[in-house]
C-alpha atoms as a PDB file:
ATOM      1  CA  SER A   1     106.167 104.555 103.488  1.00  0.00           C
ATOM      2  CA  GLU A   2     109.058 104.945 105.864  1.00  0.00           C
ATOM      3  CA  SER A   3     108.074 107.624 108.339  1.00  0.00           C
ATOM      4  CA  THR A   4     108.558 107.726 112.081  1.00  0.00           C
ATOM      5  CA  PHE A   5     104.859 107.111 112.696  1.00  0.00           C
ATOM      6  CA  ASP A   6     104.865 104.148 110.270  1.00  0.00           C
ATOM      7  CA  TYR A   7     107.769 102.639 112.198  1.00  0.00           C
ATOM      8  CA  PHE A   8     105.932 103.329 115.458  1.00  0.00           C
ATOM      9  CA  ALA A   9     102.802 101.536 114.193  1.00  0.00           C
ATOM     10  CA  SER A  10     104.746  98.539 112.832  1.00  0.00           C
ATOM     11  CA  THR A  11     106.761  98.216 116.026  1.00  0.00           C
ATOM     12  CA  GLU A  12     103.655  98.434 118.203  1.00  0.00           C
ATOM     13  CA  THR A  13     102.027  95.632 116.188  1.00  0.00           C
ATOM     14  CA  TYR A  14     105.206  93.552 116.541  1.00  0.00           C
ATOM     15  CA  LEU A  15     105.422  94.146 120.308  1.00  0.00           C
ATOM     16  CA  HIS A  16     101.800  93.110 120.872  1.00  0.00           C
ATOM     17  CA  ARG A  17     102.332  89.979 118.783  1.00  0.00           C
ATOM     18  CA  HIS A  18     105.765  88.861 120.041  1.00  0.00           C
ATOM     19  CA  GLY A  19     106.768  90.924 123.087  1.00  0.00           C
ATOM     20  CA  LYS A  20     109.892  93.073 123.443  1.00  0.00           C
ATOM     21  CA  PRO A  21     113.073  91.840 121.772  1.00  0.00           C
ATOM     22  CA  VAL A  22     116.452  92.553 123.326  1.00  0.00           C
ATOM     23  CA  ALA A  23     117.453  94.414 120.146  1.00  0.00           C
ATOM     24  CA  PHE A  24     116.457  95.256 116.584  1.00  0.00           C
ATOM     25  CA  TYR A  25     119.020  94.753 113.811  1.00  0.00           C
ATOM     26  CA  SER A  26     118.729  97.331 111.057  1.00  0.00           C
ATOM     27  CA  ASP A  27     120.523  99.258 108.381  1.00  0.00           C
ATOM     28  CA  ARG A  28     121.975 102.682 109.157  1.00  0.00           C
ATOM     29  CA  ALA A  29     118.941 104.697 108.018  1.00  0.00           C
ATOM     30  CA  THR A  30     118.421 108.036 109.719  1.00  0.00           C
ATOM     31  CA  ILE A  31     115.183 106.782 111.277  1.00  0.00           C
ATOM     32  CA  PHE A  32     117.357 104.587 113.534  1.00  0.00           C
ATOM     33  CA  ARG A  33     120.328 106.833 114.267  1.00  0.00           C
ATOM     34  CA  THR A  34     121.478 110.412 113.915  1.00  0.00           C
ATOM     35  CA  GLY A  35     124.434 111.191 111.692  1.00  0.00           C
ATOM     36  CA  GLY A  36     127.409 113.531 111.526  1.00  0.00           C
ATOM     37  CA  SER A  37     128.318 115.890 114.344  1.00  0.00           C
ATOM     38  CA  GLU A  38     124.765 115.659 115.686  1.00  0.00           C
ATOM     39  CA  ASN A  39     125.472 112.012 116.554  1.00  0.00           C
ATOM     40  CA  ARG A  40     128.293 113.057 118.870  1.00  0.00           C
ATOM     41  CA  ARG A  41     126.141 115.537 120.783  1.00  0.00           C
ATOM     42  CA  GLU A  42     125.062 114.108 124.119  1.00  0.00           C
ATOM     43  CA  GLY A  43     121.372 113.301 124.310  1.00  0.00           C
ATOM     44  CA  SER A  44     121.073 113.236 120.527  1.00  0.00           C
ATOM     45  CA  SER A  45     118.702 110.547 119.285  1.00  0.00           C
ATOM     46  CA  THR A  46     115.944 110.006 116.785  1.00  0.00           C
ATOM     47  CA  GLN A  47     112.310 109.772 117.839  1.00  0.00           C
ATOM     48  CA  PHE A  48     112.356 106.047 117.015  1.00  0.00           C
ATOM     49  CA  SER A  49     115.540 105.344 118.990  1.00  0.00           C
ATOM     50  CA  ARG A  50     114.148 107.380 121.910  1.00  0.00           C
ATOM     51  CA  ALA A  51     110.989 105.255 121.936  1.00  0.00           C
ATOM     52  CA  LEU A  52     112.960 101.983 121.818  1.00  0.00           C
ATOM     53  CA  SER A  53     115.222 103.235 124.599  1.00  0.00           C
ATOM     54  CA  GLU A  54     112.159 103.881 126.776  1.00  0.00           C
ATOM     55  CA  LEU A  55     111.190 100.242 126.165  1.00  0.00           C
ATOM     56  CA  ASN A  56     114.750  99.008 126.893  1.00  0.00           C
ATOM     57  CA  ILE A  57     115.242  97.745 123.315  1.00  0.00           C
ATOM     58  CA  ASP A  58     118.640  98.272 121.672  1.00  0.00           C
ATOM     59  CA  ILE A  59     119.185  99.127 118.008  1.00  0.00           C
ATOM     60  CA  ILE A  60     122.078  97.359 116.324  1.00  0.00           C
ATOM     61  CA  CYS A  61     122.927  99.055 113.034  1.00  0.00           C
ATOM     62  CA  ALA A  62     124.773  97.127 110.330  1.00  0.00           C
ATOM     63  CA  ASN A  63     128.290  98.551 110.519  1.00  0.00           C
ATOM     64  CA  SER A  64     130.119  96.646 107.802  1.00  0.00           C
ATOM     65  CA  PRO A  65     129.502  96.768 104.051  1.00  0.00           C
ATOM     66  CA  GLN A  66     128.872  93.006 104.153  1.00  0.00           C
ATOM     67  CA  ALA A  67     126.168  93.318 106.822  1.00  0.00           C
ATOM     68  CA  LYS A  68     124.583  96.271 105.019  1.00  0.00           C
ATOM     69  CA  GLY A  69     124.608  94.206 101.817  1.00  0.00           C
ATOM     70  CA  ARG A  70     122.845  91.280 103.527  1.00  0.00           C
ATOM     71  CA  VAL A  71     120.103  93.569 104.845  1.00  0.00           C
ATOM     72  CA  GLU A  72     119.636  95.259 101.456  1.00  0.00           C
ATOM     73  CA  ARG A  73     119.615  91.960  99.526  1.00  0.00           C
ATOM     74  CA  ALA A  74     116.965  90.544 101.860  1.00  0.00           C
ATOM     75  CA  HIS A  75     114.821  93.666 101.414  1.00  0.00           C
ATOM     76  CA  LEU A  76     115.189  93.615  97.627  1.00  0.00           C
ATOM     77  CA  THR A  77     114.308  89.917  97.470  1.00  0.00           C
ATOM     78  CA  LEU A  78     111.216  90.418  99.626  1.00  0.00           C
ATOM     79  CA  GLN A  79     110.087  93.509  97.738  1.00  0.00           C
ATOM     80  CA  ASP A  80     110.615  91.838  94.356  1.00  0.00           C
ATOM     81  CA  ARG A  81     108.859  88.613  95.375  1.00  0.00           C
ATOM     82  CA  LEU A  82     105.942  90.420  97.037  1.00  0.00           C
ATOM     83  CA  VAL A  83     105.298  92.620  93.983  1.00  0.00           C
ATOM     84  CA  LYS A  84     105.189  89.529  91.766  1.00  0.00           C
ATOM     85  CA  GLU A  85     102.854  87.701  94.140  1.00  0.00           C
ATOM     86  CA  LEU A  86     100.514  90.720  94.276  1.00  0.00           C
ATOM     87  CA  ARG A  87     100.463  90.890  90.475  1.00  0.00           C
ATOM     88  CA  LEU A  88      99.731  87.147  90.180  1.00  0.00           C
ATOM     89  CA  ARG A  89      96.766  87.557  92.533  1.00  0.00           C
ATOM     90  CA  ASP A  90      95.541  90.743  90.800  1.00  0.00           C
ATOM     91  CA  ILE A  91      95.900  92.724  94.038  1.00  0.00           C
ATOM     92  CA  SER A  92      96.133  96.452  93.362  1.00  0.00           C
ATOM     93  CA  THR A  93      94.946  98.278  96.491  1.00  0.00           C
ATOM     94  CA  PRO A  94      96.780  98.851  99.777  1.00  0.00           C
ATOM     95  CA  GLU A  95      93.850  97.328 101.682  1.00  0.00           C
ATOM     96  CA  ALA A  96      93.937  94.108  99.641  1.00  0.00           C
ATOM     97  CA  ALA A  97      97.747  93.953  99.896  1.00  0.00           C
ATOM     98  CA  ASN A  98      97.578  94.350 103.694  1.00  0.00           C
ATOM     99  CA  ALA A  99      94.972  91.582 103.858  1.00  0.00           C
ATOM    100  CA  TYR A 100      97.242  89.305 101.785  1.00  0.00           C
ATOM    101  CA  ALA A 101     100.465  90.116 103.711  1.00  0.00           C
ATOM    102  CA  PRO A 102     100.005  87.536 106.531  1.00  0.00           C
ATOM    103  CA  GLU A 103      99.461  84.759 103.968  1.00  0.00           C
ATOM    104  CA  PHE A 104     102.570  85.863 102.032  1.00  0.00           C
ATOM    105  CA  MET A 105     104.700  85.964 105.195  1.00  0.00           C
ATOM    106  CA  THR A 106     103.540  82.518 106.310  1.00  0.00           C
ATOM    107  CA  ASP A 107     104.306  80.993 102.908  1.00  0.00           C
ATOM    108  CA  TYR A 108     107.647  82.785 102.569  1.00  0.00           C
ATOM    109  CA  ASN A 109     108.775  81.766 106.056  1.00  0.00           C
ATOM    110  CA  LYS A 110     107.654  78.169 105.498  1.00  0.00           C
ATOM    111  CA  ARG A 111     109.809  77.970 102.375  1.00  0.00           C
ATOM    112  CA  PHE A 112     112.889  79.951 103.416  1.00  0.00           C
ATOM    113  CA  ALA A 113     113.104  80.272 107.212  1.00  0.00           C
ATOM    114  CA  LYS A 114     115.970  78.578 109.010  1.00  0.00           C
ATOM    115  CA  SER A 115     115.569  77.092 112.450  1.00  0.00           C
ATOM    116  CA  PRO A 116     117.561  78.982 115.070  1.00  0.00           C
ATOM    117  CA  THR A 117     120.602  77.307 116.567  1.00  0.00           C
ATOM    118  CA  ASN A 118     119.368  78.276 120.020  1.00  0.00           C
ATOM    119  CA  LYS A 119     115.590  77.889 120.491  1.00  0.00           C
ATOM    120  CA  HIS A 120     115.481  80.281 123.489  1.00  0.00           C
ATOM    121  CA  ASP A 121     112.989  83.108 122.884  1.00  0.00           C
ATOM    122  CA  ALA A 122     114.557  86.271 124.319  1.00  0.00           C
ATOM    123  CA  HIS A 123     111.412  88.385 123.885  1.00  0.00           C
ATOM    124  CA  ARG A 124     110.169  89.958 127.101  1.00  0.00           C
ATOM    125  CA  PRO A 125     106.550  90.786 127.891  1.00  0.00           C
ATOM    126  CA  LEU A 126     105.386  94.378 127.842  1.00  0.00           C
ATOM    127  CA  ARG A 127     105.087  95.827 131.338  1.00  0.00           C
ATOM    128  CA  ALA A 128     101.792  97.311 132.546  1.00  0.00           C
ATOM    129  CA  ASP A 129     103.462 100.728 133.006  1.00  0.00           C
ATOM    130  CA  GLU A 130     104.709 100.874 129.382  1.00  0.00           C
ATOM    131  CA  ASP A 131     102.104 103.040 127.648  1.00  0.00           C
ATOM    132  CA  LEU A 132     102.786 102.436 123.959  1.00  0.00           C
ATOM    133  CA  ALA A 133     100.241 105.073 122.919  1.00  0.00           C
ATOM    134  CA  LEU A 134     102.343 107.669 124.770  1.00  0.00           C
ATOM    135  CA  ILE A 135     105.802 106.231 124.000  1.00  0.00           C
ATOM    136  CA  PHE A 136     105.065 106.113 120.253  1.00  0.00           C
ATOM    137  CA  THR A 137     104.385 109.848 119.960  1.00  0.00           C
ATOM    138  CA  TRP A 138     106.599 112.568 118.510  1.00  0.00           C
ATOM    139  CA  GLN A 139     108.067 114.255 121.600  1.00  0.00           C
ATOM    140  CA  GLU A 140     109.729 117.654 121.849  1.00  0.00           C
ATOM    141  CA  ASP A 141     110.641 119.788 124.846  1.00  0.00           C
ATOM    142  CA  ARG A 142     109.538 123.404 125.071  1.00  0.00           C
ATOM    143  CA  LYS A 143     110.006 126.143 127.639  1.00  0.00           C
ATOM    144  CA  VAL A 144     106.940 127.696 129.280  1.00  0.00           C
ATOM    145  CA  SER A 145     107.172 131.503 129.196  1.00  0.00           C
ATOM    146  CA  LYS A 146     106.547 133.867 132.114  1.00  0.00           C
ATOM    147  CA  GLU A 147     103.101 134.476 130.572  1.00  0.00           C
ATOM    148  CA  LEU A 148     102.328 130.712 130.694  1.00  0.00           C
ATOM    149  CA  THR A 149     102.592 130.256 126.942  1.00  0.00           C
ATOM    150  CA  LEU A 150     104.621 127.964 124.735  1.00  0.00           C
ATOM    151  CA  HIS A 151     105.274 127.808 121.011  1.00  0.00           C
ATOM    152  CA  TYR A 152     105.043 124.555 119.139  1.00  0.00           C
ATOM    153  CA  ARG A 153     104.866 123.948 115.383  1.00  0.00           C
ATOM    154  CA  ARG A 154     103.764 127.444 114.491  1.00  0.00           C
ATOM    155  CA  GLY A 155     101.146 127.279 117.231  1.00  0.00           C
ATOM    156  CA  PHE A 156     100.855 129.366 120.331  1.00  0.00           C
ATOM    157  CA  TYR A 157      99.531 127.549 123.407  1.00  0.00           C
ATOM    158  CA  LEU A 158      98.236 129.330 126.481  1.00  0.00           C
ATOM    159  CA  ILE A 159      98.190 127.463 129.786  1.00  0.00           C
ATOM    160  CA  GLU A 160      95.289 128.517 131.958  1.00  0.00           C
ATOM    161  CA  SER A 161      96.534 130.543 134.924  1.00  0.00           C
ATOM    162  CA  SER A 162      95.905 128.972 138.330  1.00  0.00           C
ATOM    163  CA  PRO A 163      97.913 128.484 141.529  1.00  0.00           C
ATOM    164  CA  GLU A 164      98.954 125.019 140.263  1.00  0.00           C
ATOM    165  CA  THR A 165     100.119 126.251 136.861  1.00  0.00           C
ATOM    166  CA  LEU A 166     101.950 129.411 137.988  1.00  0.00           C
ATOM    167  CA  VAL A 167     104.861 127.240 139.161  1.00  0.00           C
ATOM    168  CA  LEU A 168     105.356 126.117 135.538  1.00  0.00           C
ATOM    169  CA  ARG A 169     106.701 129.527 134.433  1.00  0.00           C
ATOM    170  CA  GLY A 170     110.211 129.122 133.040  1.00  0.00           C
ATOM    171  CA  LYS A 171     110.052 125.314 133.295  1.00  0.00           C
ATOM    172  CA  ARG A 172     110.545 122.840 130.463  1.00  0.00           C
ATOM    173  CA  CYS A 173     107.626 120.713 129.352  1.00  0.00           C
ATOM    174  CA  ARG A 174     107.329 117.869 126.873  1.00  0.00           C
ATOM    175  CA  VAL A 175     104.857 118.153 124.013  1.00  0.00           C
ATOM    176  CA  HIS A 176     103.525 114.884 122.554  1.00  0.00           C
ATOM    177  CA  THR A 177     102.146 114.722 119.007  1.00  0.00           C
ATOM    178  CA  HIS A 178     100.177 111.602 118.058  1.00  0.00           C
ATOM    179  CA  ALA A 179     100.037 110.067 114.563  1.00  0.00           C
ATOM    180  CA  ASP A 180      96.529 111.488 114.063  1.00  0.00           C
ATOM    181  CA  GLY A 181      97.783 115.023 114.779  1.00  0.00           C
ATOM    182  CA  ARG A 182      96.490 115.332 118.332  1.00  0.00           C
ATOM    183  CA  ILE A 183      98.812 117.320 120.608  1.00  0.00           C
END
């Protein structure tokens, strides 16, 4: 599927395997950028673009019809070829397909990959202070009430009153939701 948390998981796997790229090149899907008047509002970003920004990774969206067409044709070719390969191997479960995916990618790249003109690898290592488990969460800001409560996703959260927490009244806080539902 194409959800924010699926993109988070795929990107985390990629980062552990290859390091941080300078940029990701993508289509103009709403997972990567906001649209309309919301896009012009300062501070407006998607959860995925916010996470990449925290990691200092740019998103380059295909802006021309030709570039969009190249991205879509590549996706259609891969999806078509993968479905046929799964059928030939009698693979019908997500678990079996995921187990086969590395073999498919290796074979596909061996047959169709082109050597880069410049062999320099611009990936950067992850820094020790970049907590991917925290960065790849759904993040929303909320205001703490005078009664030390906040509302989030139809829930009502009460912050235990203490000298340390009393200073939080009226302040903004950031709520993090993990893929497994933990808040």
